[in-house]
Amino acid sequence: MGYGDGCAALIGTKFKLKEFIFFKNTKTVLGSITMFIISFIAISILTLCFNQFSLLNVLIVSAVATIIEAVSPFGLDNLAVPILTSILSYFII
């Protein structure tokens, strides 16, 4: 989450191509794509290290992390993403 959210903020503010507003948060499509890609890479590396890699599970957790980051109100994404993706990962990975 730390890498994904940080990179999403950097890319999103640098290239403000298409923005969307959800709960008074302005997010960019490119930032959300960056969040997904970085989350996918980080989760893939971790699951490969523990011999738990499953492409479907990694895609699901990465997508959920991206959605939570996009829709979390009032900047709560820094709290909501790690907690909710950890819970999801526990149950499906």
PDB file of N, CA and C in Angstrom:
ATOM      1  N   MET A   1       0.825  -1.181   0.000  1.00  0.00           N
ATOM      2  CA  MET A   1       0.000   0.000   0.000  1.00  0.00           C
ATOM      3  C   MET A   1       0.866   1.240   0.000  1.00  0.00           C
ATOM      4  N   GLY A   2       1.942   1.216   0.760  1.00  0.00           N
ATOM      5  CA  GLY A   2       2.804   2.392   0.845  1.00  0.00           C
ATOM      6  C   GLY A   2       3.400   2.768  -0.498  1.00  0.00           C
ATOM      7  N   TYR A   3       3.872   1.778  -1.214  1.00  0.00           N
ATOM      8  CA  TYR A   3       4.434   2.049  -2.535  1.00  0.00           C
ATOM      9  C   TYR A   3       3.338   2.457  -3.514  1.00  0.00           C
ATOM     10  N   GLY A   4       2.255   1.732  -3.521  1.00  0.00           N
ATOM     11  CA  GLY A   4       1.171   2.007  -4.469  1.00  0.00           C
ATOM     12  C   GLY A   4       0.564   3.378  -4.276  1.00  0.00           C
ATOM     13  N   ASP A   5       0.261   3.724  -3.030  1.00  0.00           N
ATOM     14  CA  ASP A   5      -0.371   5.012  -2.742  1.00  0.00           C
ATOM     15  C   ASP A   5       0.590   6.165  -3.034  1.00  0.00           C
ATOM     16  N   GLY A   6       1.846   5.995  -2.657  1.00  0.00           N
ATOM     17  CA  GLY A   6       2.833   7.044  -2.919  1.00  0.00           C
ATOM     18  C   GLY A   6       3.064   7.277  -4.398  1.00  0.00           C
ATOM     19  N   CYS A   7       3.215   6.196  -5.143  1.00  0.00           N
ATOM     20  CA  CYS A   7       3.419   6.318  -6.594  1.00  0.00           C
ATOM     21  C   CYS A   7       2.175   6.864  -7.284  1.00  0.00           C
ATOM     22  N   ALA A   8       1.007   6.457  -6.810  1.00  0.00           N
ATOM     23  CA  ALA A   8      -0.243   6.961  -7.396  1.00  0.00           C
ATOM     24  C   ALA A   8      -0.347   8.468  -7.211  1.00  0.00           C
ATOM     25  N   ALA A   9       0.032   8.945  -6.036  1.00  0.00           N
ATOM     26  CA  ALA A   9      -0.018  10.389  -5.788  1.00  0.00           C
ATOM     27  C   ALA A   9       0.970  11.131  -6.683  1.00  0.00           C
ATOM     28  N   LEU A  10       2.164  10.589  -6.822  1.00  0.00           N
ATOM     29  CA  LEU A  10       3.166  11.246  -7.675  1.00  0.00           C
ATOM     30  C   LEU A  10       2.730  11.285  -9.133  1.00  0.00           C
ATOM     31  N   ILE A  11       2.324  10.155  -9.665  1.00  0.00           N
ATOM     32  CA  ILE A  11       1.917  10.077 -11.071  1.00  0.00           C
ATOM     33  C   ILE A  11       0.632  10.858 -11.300  1.00  0.00           C
ATOM     34  N   GLY A  12      -0.307  10.743 -10.377  1.00  0.00           N
ATOM     35  CA  GLY A  12      -1.588  11.425 -10.529  1.00  0.00           C
ATOM     36  C   GLY A  12      -1.453  12.936 -10.551  1.00  0.00           C
ATOM     37  N   THR A  13      -0.568  13.486  -9.711  1.00  0.00           N
ATOM     38  CA  THR A  13      -0.401  14.942  -9.685  1.00  0.00           C
ATOM     39  C   THR A  13       0.471  15.428 -10.841  1.00  0.00           C
ATOM     40  N   LYS A  14       1.376  14.587 -11.300  1.00  0.00           N
ATOM     41  CA  LYS A  14       2.229  14.995 -12.424  1.00  0.00           C
ATOM     42  C   LYS A  14       1.453  15.017 -13.741  1.00  0.00           C
ATOM     43  N   PHE A  15       0.634  13.985 -13.961  1.00  0.00           N
ATOM     44  CA  PHE A  15      -0.118  13.868 -15.215  1.00  0.00           C
ATOM     45  C   PHE A  15      -1.615  13.877 -14.903  1.00  0.00           C
ATOM     46  N   LYS A  16      -2.193  15.030 -14.764  1.00  0.00           N
ATOM     47  CA  LYS A  16      -3.623  15.141 -14.440  1.00  0.00           C
ATOM     48  C   LYS A  16      -4.459  15.010 -15.703  1.00  0.00           C
ATOM     49  N   LEU A  17      -4.549  13.800 -16.226  1.00  0.00           N
ATOM     50  CA  LEU A  17      -5.275  13.595 -17.478  1.00  0.00           C
ATOM     51  C   LEU A  17      -6.780  13.586 -17.250  1.00  0.00           C
ATOM     52  N   LYS A  18      -7.268  12.598 -16.537  1.00  0.00           N
ATOM     53  CA  LYS A  18      -8.700  12.501 -16.273  1.00  0.00           C
ATOM     54  C   LYS A  18      -8.899  12.370 -14.776  1.00  0.00           C
ATOM     55  N   GLU A  19      -9.661  13.284 -14.224  1.00  0.00           N
ATOM     56  CA  GLU A  19      -9.909  13.276 -12.787  1.00  0.00           C
ATOM     57  C   GLU A  19     -11.336  12.847 -12.502  1.00  0.00           C
ATOM     58  N   PHE A  20     -11.536  12.242 -11.351  1.00  0.00           N
ATOM     59  CA  PHE A  20     -12.874  11.945 -10.874  1.00  0.00           C
ATOM     60  C   PHE A  20     -12.944  12.295  -9.400  1.00  0.00           C
ATOM     61  N   ILE A  21     -14.133  12.664  -8.966  1.00  0.00           N
ATOM     62  CA  ILE A  21     -14.329  13.079  -7.571  1.00  0.00           C
ATOM     63  C   ILE A  21     -15.256  12.086  -6.896  1.00  0.00           C
ATOM     64  N   PHE A  22     -14.823  11.608  -5.737  1.00  0.00           N
ATOM     65  CA  PHE A  22     -15.618  10.665  -4.959  1.00  0.00           C
ATOM     66  C   PHE A  22     -15.446  11.041  -3.501  1.00  0.00           C
ATOM     67  N   PHE A  23     -16.527  11.349  -2.807  1.00  0.00           N
ATOM     68  CA  PHE A  23     -16.487  11.794  -1.402  1.00  0.00           C
ATOM     69  C   PHE A  23     -15.547  12.979  -1.224  1.00  0.00           C
ATOM     70  N   LYS A  24     -15.633  13.956  -2.089  1.00  0.00           N
ATOM     71  CA  LYS A  24     -14.836  15.178  -2.051  1.00  0.00           C
ATOM     72  C   LYS A  24     -13.343  14.934  -2.236  1.00  0.00           C
ATOM     73  N   ASN A  25     -12.956  13.732  -2.650  1.00  0.00           N
ATOM     74  CA  ASN A  25     -11.562  13.431  -2.974  1.00  0.00           C
ATOM     75  C   ASN A  25     -11.405  13.482  -4.483  1.00  0.00           C
ATOM     76  N   THR A  26     -10.413  14.211  -4.937  1.00  0.00           N
ATOM     77  CA  THR A  26     -10.129  14.249  -6.367  1.00  0.00           C
ATOM     78  C   THR A  26      -9.039  13.232  -6.654  1.00  0.00           C
ATOM     79  N   LYS A  27      -9.351  12.285  -7.486  1.00  0.00           N
ATOM     80  CA  LYS A  27      -8.410  11.240  -7.880  1.00  0.00           C
ATOM     81  C   LYS A  27      -8.251  11.278  -9.384  1.00  0.00           C
ATOM     82  N   THR A  28      -7.145  10.735  -9.877  1.00  0.00           N
ATOM     83  CA  THR A  28      -6.948  10.662 -11.321  1.00  0.00           C
ATOM     84  C   THR A  28      -6.992   9.204 -11.761  1.00  0.00           C
ATOM     85  N   VAL A  29      -7.410   9.004 -12.983  1.00  0.00           N
ATOM     86  CA  VAL A  29      -7.468   7.654 -13.541  1.00  0.00           C
ATOM     87  C   VAL A  29      -6.058   7.073 -13.612  1.00  0.00           C
ATOM     88  N   LEU A  30      -5.089   7.877 -14.042  1.00  0.00           N
ATOM     89  CA  LEU A  30      -3.715   7.402 -14.145  1.00  0.00           C
ATOM     90  C   LEU A  30      -3.143   7.053 -12.765  1.00  0.00           C
ATOM     91  N   GLY A  31      -3.507   7.819 -11.753  1.00  0.00           N
ATOM     92  CA  GLY A  31      -3.082   7.511 -10.392  1.00  0.00           C
ATOM     93  C   GLY A  31      -3.661   6.194  -9.908  1.00  0.00           C
ATOM     94  N   SER A  32      -4.922   5.940 -10.236  1.00  0.00           N
ATOM     95  CA  SER A  32      -5.552   4.676  -9.854  1.00  0.00           C
ATOM     96  C   SER A  32      -4.937   3.503 -10.596  1.00  0.00           C
ATOM     97  N   ILE A  33      -4.607   3.691 -11.856  1.00  0.00           N
ATOM     98  CA  ILE A  33      -3.932   2.634 -12.618  1.00  0.00           C
ATOM     99  C   ILE A  33      -2.563   2.347 -12.009  1.00  0.00           C
ATOM    100  N   THR A  34      -1.859   3.406 -11.628  1.00  0.00           N
ATOM    101  CA  THR A  34      -0.555   3.243 -10.986  1.00  0.00           C
ATOM    102  C   THR A  34      -0.689   2.483  -9.675  1.00  0.00           C
ATOM    103  N   MET A  35      -1.706   2.812  -8.893  1.00  0.00           N
ATOM    104  CA  MET A  35      -1.956   2.111  -7.632  1.00  0.00           C
ATOM    105  C   MET A  35      -2.158   0.621  -7.887  1.00  0.00           C
ATOM    106  N   PHE A  36      -2.932   0.291  -8.900  1.00  0.00           N
ATOM    107  CA  PHE A  36      -3.178  -1.118  -9.222  1.00  0.00           C
ATOM    108  C   PHE A  36      -1.892  -1.828  -9.632  1.00  0.00           C
ATOM    109  N   ILE A  37      -1.127  -1.225 -10.507  1.00  0.00           N
ATOM    110  CA  ILE A  37       0.094  -1.868 -11.019  1.00  0.00           C
ATOM    111  C   ILE A  37       1.114  -2.074  -9.901  1.00  0.00           C
ATOM    112  N   ILE A  38       1.358  -1.044  -9.107  1.00  0.00           N
ATOM    113  CA  ILE A  38       2.343  -1.157  -8.028  1.00  0.00           C
ATOM    114  C   ILE A  38       1.860  -2.148  -6.972  1.00  0.00           C
ATOM    115  N   SER A  39       0.575  -2.122  -6.649  1.00  0.00           N
ATOM    116  CA  SER A  39       0.030  -3.093  -5.696  1.00  0.00           C
ATOM    117  C   SER A  39       0.171  -4.509  -6.235  1.00  0.00           C
ATOM    118  N   PHE A  40      -0.109  -4.682  -7.523  1.00  0.00           N
ATOM    119  CA  PHE A  40       0.014  -5.999  -8.145  1.00  0.00           C
ATOM    120  C   PHE A  40       1.450  -6.515  -8.040  1.00  0.00           C
ATOM    121  N   ILE A  41       2.404  -5.660  -8.332  1.00  0.00           N
ATOM    122  CA  ILE A  41       3.817  -6.057  -8.260  1.00  0.00           C
ATOM    123  C   ILE A  41       4.217  -6.408  -6.837  1.00  0.00           C
ATOM    124  N   ALA A  42       3.861  -5.548  -5.876  1.00  0.00           N
ATOM    125  CA  ALA A  42       4.244  -5.785  -4.482  1.00  0.00           C
ATOM    126  C   ALA A  42       3.609  -7.058  -3.927  1.00  0.00           C
ATOM    127  N   ILE A  43       2.338  -7.252  -4.196  1.00  0.00           N
ATOM    128  CA  ILE A  43       1.646  -8.450  -3.704  1.00  0.00           C
ATOM    129  C   ILE A  43       2.193  -9.700  -4.393  1.00  0.00           C
ATOM    130  N   SER A  44       2.517  -9.602  -5.666  1.00  0.00           N
ATOM    131  CA  SER A  44       3.093 -10.738  -6.392  1.00  0.00           C
ATOM    132  C   SER A  44       4.426 -11.148  -5.782  1.00  0.00           C
ATOM    133  N   ILE A  45       5.273 -10.174  -5.500  1.00  0.00           N
ATOM    134  CA  ILE A  45       6.582 -10.470  -4.913  1.00  0.00           C
ATOM    135  C   ILE A  45       6.419 -11.139  -3.547  1.00  0.00           C
ATOM    136  N   LEU A  46       5.548 -10.589  -2.725  1.00  0.00           N
ATOM    137  CA  LEU A  46       5.352 -11.169  -1.391  1.00  0.00           C
ATOM    138  C   LEU A  46       4.770 -12.572  -1.445  1.00  0.00           C
ATOM    139  N   THR A  47       3.800 -12.782  -2.311  1.00  0.00           N
ATOM    140  CA  THR A  47       3.211 -14.115  -2.377  1.00  0.00           C
ATOM    141  C   THR A  47       4.174 -15.122  -3.005  1.00  0.00           C
ATOM    142  N   LEU A  48       5.015 -14.670  -3.921  1.00  0.00           N
ATOM    143  CA  LEU A  48       6.034 -15.563  -4.482  1.00  0.00           C
ATOM    144  C   LEU A  48       7.065 -15.951  -3.427  1.00  0.00           C
ATOM    145  N   CYS A  49       7.413 -15.015  -2.558  1.00  0.00           N
ATOM    146  CA  CYS A  49       8.378 -15.312  -1.491  1.00  0.00           C
ATOM    147  C   CYS A  49       7.858 -16.385  -0.539  1.00  0.00           C
ATOM    148  N   PHE A  50       6.570 -16.422  -0.343  1.00  0.00           N
ATOM    149  CA  PHE A  50       5.973 -17.391   0.578  1.00  0.00           C
ATOM    150  C   PHE A  50       5.306 -18.565  -0.147  1.00  0.00           C
ATOM    151  N   ASN A  51       5.613 -18.715  -1.435  1.00  0.00           N
ATOM    152  CA  ASN A  51       5.059 -19.803  -2.251  1.00  0.00           C
ATOM    153  C   ASN A  51       3.535 -19.880  -2.192  1.00  0.00           C
ATOM    154  N   GLN A  52       2.894 -18.736  -2.186  1.00  0.00           N
ATOM    155  CA  GLN A  52       1.437 -18.664  -2.145  1.00  0.00           C
ATOM    156  C   GLN A  52       0.862 -17.952  -3.367  1.00  0.00           C
ATOM    157  N   PHE A  53       1.653 -17.828  -4.421  1.00  0.00           N
ATOM    158  CA  PHE A  53       1.229 -17.037  -5.574  1.00  0.00           C
ATOM    159  C   PHE A  53       0.057 -17.686  -6.306  1.00  0.00           C
ATOM    160  N   SER A  54      -0.952 -16.886  -6.554  1.00  0.00           N
ATOM    161  CA  SER A  54      -2.095 -17.254  -7.387  1.00  0.00           C
ATOM    162  C   SER A  54      -2.493 -15.991  -8.140  1.00  0.00           C
ATOM    163  N   LEU A  55      -2.429 -16.036  -9.446  1.00  0.00           N
ATOM    164  CA  LEU A  55      -2.698 -14.842 -10.249  1.00  0.00           C
ATOM    165  C   LEU A  55      -4.069 -14.261  -9.947  1.00  0.00           C
ATOM    166  N   LEU A  56      -5.077 -15.099  -9.828  1.00  0.00           N
ATOM    167  CA  LEU A  56      -6.423 -14.614  -9.549  1.00  0.00           C
ATOM    168  C   LEU A  56      -6.486 -13.908  -8.202  1.00  0.00           C
ATOM    169  N   ASN A  57      -5.889 -14.488  -7.180  1.00  0.00           N
ATOM    170  CA  ASN A  57      -5.913 -13.869  -5.855  1.00  0.00           C
ATOM    171  C   ASN A  57      -5.160 -12.540  -5.834  1.00  0.00           C
ATOM    172  N   VAL A  58      -4.032 -12.489  -6.515  1.00  0.00           N
ATOM    173  CA  VAL A  58      -3.253 -11.253  -6.575  1.00  0.00           C
ATOM    174  C   VAL A  58      -4.036 -10.174  -7.321  1.00  0.00           C
ATOM    175  N   LEU A  59      -4.700 -10.537  -8.402  1.00  0.00           N
ATOM    176  CA  LEU A  59      -5.533  -9.573  -9.137  1.00  0.00           C
ATOM    177  C   LEU A  59      -6.678  -9.054  -8.270  1.00  0.00           C
ATOM    178  N   ILE A  60      -7.311  -9.942  -7.521  1.00  0.00           N
ATOM    179  CA  ILE A  60      -8.434  -9.541  -6.670  1.00  0.00           C
ATOM    180  C   ILE A  60      -7.973  -8.574  -5.585  1.00  0.00           C
ATOM    181  N   VAL A  61      -6.904  -8.925  -4.894  1.00  0.00           N
ATOM    182  CA  VAL A  61      -6.425  -8.063  -3.803  1.00  0.00           C
ATOM    183  C   VAL A  61      -5.951  -6.721  -4.345  1.00  0.00           C
ATOM    184  N   SER A  62      -5.271  -6.720  -5.476  1.00  0.00           N
ATOM    185  CA  SER A  62      -4.810  -5.461  -6.077  1.00  0.00           C
ATOM    186  C   SER A  62      -5.988  -4.585  -6.498  1.00  0.00           C
ATOM    187  N   ALA A  63      -7.001  -5.196  -7.091  1.00  0.00           N
ATOM    188  CA  ALA A  63      -8.183  -4.440  -7.509  1.00  0.00           C
ATOM    189  C   ALA A  63      -8.930  -3.875  -6.303  1.00  0.00           C
ATOM    190  N   VAL A  64      -9.077  -4.670  -5.265  1.00  0.00           N
ATOM    191  CA  VAL A  64      -9.770  -4.195  -4.064  1.00  0.00           C
ATOM    192  C   VAL A  64      -8.983  -3.059  -3.412  1.00  0.00           C
ATOM    193  N   ALA A  65      -7.660  -3.182  -3.357  1.00  0.00           N
ATOM    194  CA  ALA A  65      -6.837  -2.105  -2.793  1.00  0.00           C
ATOM    195  C   ALA A  65      -7.012  -0.813  -3.585  1.00  0.00           C
ATOM    196  N   THR A  66      -7.068  -0.928  -4.893  1.00  0.00           N
ATOM    197  CA  THR A  66      -7.253   0.247  -5.749  1.00  0.00           C
ATOM    198  C   THR A  66      -8.623   0.878  -5.549  1.00  0.00           C
ATOM    199  N   ILE A  67      -9.637   0.053  -5.448  1.00  0.00           N
ATOM    200  CA  ILE A  67     -10.995   0.575  -5.240  1.00  0.00           C
ATOM    201  C   ILE A  67     -11.112   1.249  -3.880  1.00  0.00           C
ATOM    202  N   ILE A  68     -10.568   0.623  -2.852  1.00  0.00           N
ATOM    203  CA  ILE A  68     -10.623   1.212  -1.505  1.00  0.00           C
ATOM    204  C   ILE A  68      -9.892   2.545  -1.494  1.00  0.00           C
ATOM    205  N   GLU A  69      -8.741   2.600  -2.149  1.00  0.00           N
ATOM    206  CA  GLU A  69      -7.973   3.847  -2.198  1.00  0.00           C
ATOM    207  C   GLU A  69      -8.747   4.945  -2.915  1.00  0.00           C
ATOM    208  N   ALA A  70      -9.491   4.572  -3.935  1.00  0.00           N
ATOM    209  CA  ALA A  70     -10.227   5.567  -4.717  1.00  0.00           C
ATOM    210  C   ALA A  70     -11.466   6.086  -3.993  1.00  0.00           C
ATOM    211  N   VAL A  71     -12.114   5.248  -3.205  1.00  0.00           N
ATOM    212  CA  VAL A  71     -13.394   5.641  -2.613  1.00  0.00           C
ATOM    213  C   VAL A  71     -13.323   5.997  -1.128  1.00  0.00           C
ATOM    214  N   SER A  72     -12.170   5.861  -0.503  1.00  0.00           N
ATOM    215  CA  SER A  72     -12.068   6.184   0.923  1.00  0.00           C
ATOM    216  C   SER A  72     -12.272   7.671   1.150  1.00  0.00           C
ATOM    217  N   PRO A  73     -13.210   8.020   2.020  1.00  0.00           N
ATOM    218  CA  PRO A  73     -13.489   9.436   2.245  1.00  0.00           C
ATOM    219  C   PRO A  73     -12.492  10.069   3.213  1.00  0.00           C
ATOM    220  N   PHE A  74     -12.317  11.348   3.080  1.00  0.00           N
ATOM    221  CA  PHE A  74     -11.569  12.181   4.025  1.00  0.00           C
ATOM    222  C   PHE A  74     -10.125  11.734   4.237  1.00  0.00           C
ATOM    223  N   GLY A  75      -9.495  11.151   3.245  1.00  0.00           N
ATOM    224  CA  GLY A  75      -8.109  10.723   3.366  1.00  0.00           C
ATOM    225  C   GLY A  75      -7.895   9.501   4.237  1.00  0.00           C
ATOM    226  N   LEU A  76      -8.946   8.739   4.469  1.00  0.00           N
ATOM    227  CA  LEU A  76      -8.827   7.546   5.302  1.00  0.00           C
ATOM    228  C   LEU A  76      -8.227   6.359   4.558  1.00  0.00           C
ATOM    229  N   ASP A  77      -7.824   6.567   3.311  1.00  0.00           N
ATOM    230  CA  ASP A  77      -7.263   5.462   2.537  1.00  0.00           C
ATOM    231  C   ASP A  77      -5.980   4.918   3.151  1.00  0.00           C
ATOM    232  N   ASN A  78      -5.212   5.775   3.826  1.00  0.00           N
ATOM    233  CA  ASN A  78      -3.976   5.313   4.453  1.00  0.00           C
ATOM    234  C   ASN A  78      -4.238   4.321   5.581  1.00  0.00           C
ATOM    235  N   LEU A  79      -5.413   4.363   6.138  1.00  0.00           N
ATOM    236  CA  LEU A  79      -5.815   3.418   7.179  1.00  0.00           C
ATOM    237  C   LEU A  79      -6.631   2.270   6.595  1.00  0.00           C
ATOM    238  N   ALA A  80      -7.544   2.595   5.709  1.00  0.00           N
ATOM    239  CA  ALA A  80      -8.477   1.597   5.189  1.00  0.00           C
ATOM    240  C   ALA A  80      -7.817   0.585   4.266  1.00  0.00           C
ATOM    241  N   VAL A  81      -6.914   1.026   3.407  1.00  0.00           N
ATOM    242  CA  VAL A  81      -6.304   0.100   2.447  1.00  0.00           C
ATOM    243  C   VAL A  81      -5.501  -1.005   3.139  1.00  0.00           C
ATOM    244  N   PRO A  82      -4.570  -0.691   4.033  1.00  0.00           N
ATOM    245  CA  PRO A  82      -3.816  -1.794   4.637  1.00  0.00           C
ATOM    246  C   PRO A  82      -4.672  -2.718   5.501  1.00  0.00           C
ATOM    247  N   ILE A  83      -5.617  -2.159   6.232  1.00  0.00           N
ATOM    248  CA  ILE A  83      -6.449  -2.995   7.104  1.00  0.00           C
ATOM    249  C   ILE A  83      -7.344  -3.912   6.278  1.00  0.00           C
ATOM    250  N   LEU A  84      -8.071  -3.349   5.327  1.00  0.00           N
ATOM    251  CA  LEU A  84      -9.021  -4.157   4.556  1.00  0.00           C
ATOM    252  C   LEU A  84      -8.341  -5.139   3.606  1.00  0.00           C
ATOM    253  N   THR A  85      -7.216  -4.738   3.005  1.00  0.00           N
ATOM    254  CA  THR A  85      -6.519  -5.682   2.126  1.00  0.00           C
ATOM    255  C   THR A  85      -5.834  -6.783   2.937  1.00  0.00           C
ATOM    256  N   SER A  86      -5.404  -6.478   4.138  1.00  0.00           N
ATOM    257  CA  SER A  86      -4.837  -7.519   5.009  1.00  0.00           C
ATOM    258  C   SER A  86      -5.897  -8.553   5.371  1.00  0.00           C
ATOM    259  N   ILE A  87      -7.082  -8.089   5.710  1.00  0.00           N
ATOM    260  CA  ILE A  87      -8.165  -8.998   6.034  1.00  0.00           C
ATOM    261  C   ILE A  87      -8.534  -9.844   4.817  1.00  0.00           C
ATOM    262  N   LEU A  88      -8.659  -9.189   3.660  1.00  0.00           N
ATOM    263  CA  LEU A  88      -8.978  -9.923   2.436  1.00  0.00           C
ATOM    264  C   LEU A  88      -7.897 -10.952   2.104  1.00  0.00           C
ATOM    265  N   SER A  89      -6.640 -10.543   2.212  1.00  0.00           N
ATOM    266  CA  SER A  89      -5.525 -11.447   1.915  1.00  0.00           C
ATOM    267  C   SER A  89      -5.526 -12.650   2.852  1.00  0.00           C
ATOM    268  N   TYR A  90      -5.834 -12.420   4.089  1.00  0.00           N
ATOM    269  CA  TYR A  90      -5.881 -13.523   5.060  1.00  0.00           C
ATOM    270  C   TYR A  90      -6.881 -14.596   4.642  1.00  0.00           C
ATOM    271  N   PHE A  91      -8.013 -14.160   4.118  1.00  0.00           N
ATOM    272  CA  PHE A  91      -9.045 -15.107   3.764  1.00  0.00           C
ATOM    273  C   PHE A  91      -8.895 -15.763   2.388  1.00  0.00           C
ATOM    274  N   ILE A  92      -8.227 -15.088   1.435  1.00  0.00           N
ATOM    275  CA  ILE A  92      -8.167 -15.690   0.101  1.00  0.00           C
ATOM    276  C   ILE A  92      -6.773 -16.164  -0.311  1.00  0.00           C
ATOM    277  N   ILE A  93      -5.737 -15.698   0.343  1.00  0.00           N
ATOM    278  CA  ILE A  93      -4.389 -16.135  -0.072  1.00  0.00           C
ATOM    279  C   ILE A  93      -3.887 -17.186   0.894  1.00  0.00           C
TER     280      ILE A  93
END
